[in-house]
């Protein structure tokens, strides 16, 4: 069990995680292209294999995002 845990920890520590936060409204094609290009860039700059790179896209509504104390939905 100890060997398995060590191997799993090593694998998880070597996986780059990328979180992209953006306002909702991009098409599925745009998000797909973004994930592909970010994955390629992270692989190129970090040396990590593309199949180990995890990309999260977090979409926010304009009601949940504010700049200077004003929600974007109120502008």
Protein backbone atom coordinates (compact mmCIF):
# COMPACT_ATOMS: atom_id res chain seq x y z
CA UNK A 1 0.00 0.00 0.00
CA UNK A 2 2.87 2.36 0.78
CA UNK A 3 4.33 1.99 -2.73
CA UNK A 4 0.96 2.68 -4.33
CA UNK A 5 0.46 5.83 -2.22
CA UNK A 6 3.93 7.13 -3.06
CA UNK A 7 3.39 6.46 -6.79
CA UNK A 8 -0.01 8.16 -6.73
CA UNK A 9 1.35 11.20 -4.87
CA UNK A 10 4.22 11.52 -7.34
CA UNK A 11 1.80 11.36 -10.29
CA UNK A 12 -0.52 13.96 -8.81
CA UNK A 13 2.35 16.31 -7.95
CA UNK A 14 3.65 16.17 -11.52
CA UNK A 15 0.32 17.09 -13.10
CA UNK A 16 0.01 20.78 -13.98
CA UNK A 17 -3.43 22.19 -13.17
CA UNK A 18 -4.63 25.31 -15.01
CA UNK A 19 -7.79 27.23 -14.10
CA UNK A 20 -9.25 29.65 -16.63
CA UNK A 21 -11.88 32.04 -15.27
CA UNK A 22 -13.90 33.97 -17.80
CA UNK A 23 -17.29 35.51 -18.37
CA UNK A 24 -19.85 33.20 -19.90
CA UNK A 25 -20.67 33.59 -23.57
CA UNK A 26 -17.86 31.81 -25.43
CA UNK A 27 -18.90 29.10 -27.86
CA UNK A 28 -17.96 25.46 -27.34
CA UNK A 29 -15.58 25.79 -30.31
CA UNK A 30 -13.82 28.75 -28.66
CA UNK A 31 -13.46 26.91 -25.35
CA UNK A 32 -12.18 23.80 -27.11
CA UNK A 33 -9.54 25.84 -28.97
CA UNK A 34 -8.58 27.62 -25.73
CA UNK A 35 -8.08 24.31 -23.89
CA UNK A 36 -5.99 22.89 -26.75
CA UNK A 37 -3.75 25.97 -26.99
CA UNK A 38 -3.30 26.34 -23.22
CA UNK A 39 -2.45 22.64 -22.94
CA UNK A 40 0.14 22.94 -25.72
CA UNK A 41 1.68 26.08 -24.16
CA UNK A 42 1.92 24.51 -20.69
CA UNK A 43 3.46 21.36 -22.15
CA UNK A 44 5.99 23.36 -24.16
CA UNK A 45 7.05 25.58 -21.26
CA UNK A 46 6.94 23.03 -18.42
CA UNK A 47 7.96 19.86 -20.22
CA UNK A 48 4.88 18.07 -18.89
CA UNK A 49 3.24 15.61 -21.27
CA UNK A 50 -0.06 16.94 -22.64
CA UNK A 51 -1.98 13.93 -21.32
CA UNK A 52 -1.04 14.93 -17.75
CA UNK A 53 -2.19 18.57 -17.99
CA UNK A 54 -5.57 19.35 -16.43
CA UNK A 55 -7.47 22.47 -17.54
CA UNK A 56 -10.53 23.78 -15.71
CA UNK A 57 -12.79 26.40 -17.28
CA UNK A 58 -14.86 28.36 -14.79
CA UNK A 59 -17.49 30.52 -16.42
CA UNK A 60 -18.99 33.40 -14.48
CA UNK A 61 -22.20 35.26 -15.16
CA UNK A 62 -22.08 39.06 -15.32
CA UNK A 63 -24.16 39.04 -12.12
CA UNK A 64 -21.28 37.36 -10.28
CA UNK A 65 -18.45 39.62 -11.45
CA UNK A 66 -17.77 43.20 -10.41
CA UNK A 67 -15.13 45.81 -11.14
CA UNK A 68 -14.83 48.95 -9.04
CA UNK A 69 -17.82 47.96 -6.93
CA UNK A 70 -20.16 47.62 -9.91
CA UNK A 71 -21.44 44.35 -11.33
CA UNK A 72 -20.94 44.00 -15.06
CA UNK A 73 -24.64 43.17 -15.40
CA UNK A 74 -25.48 46.63 -14.00
CA UNK A 75 -23.41 48.52 -16.57
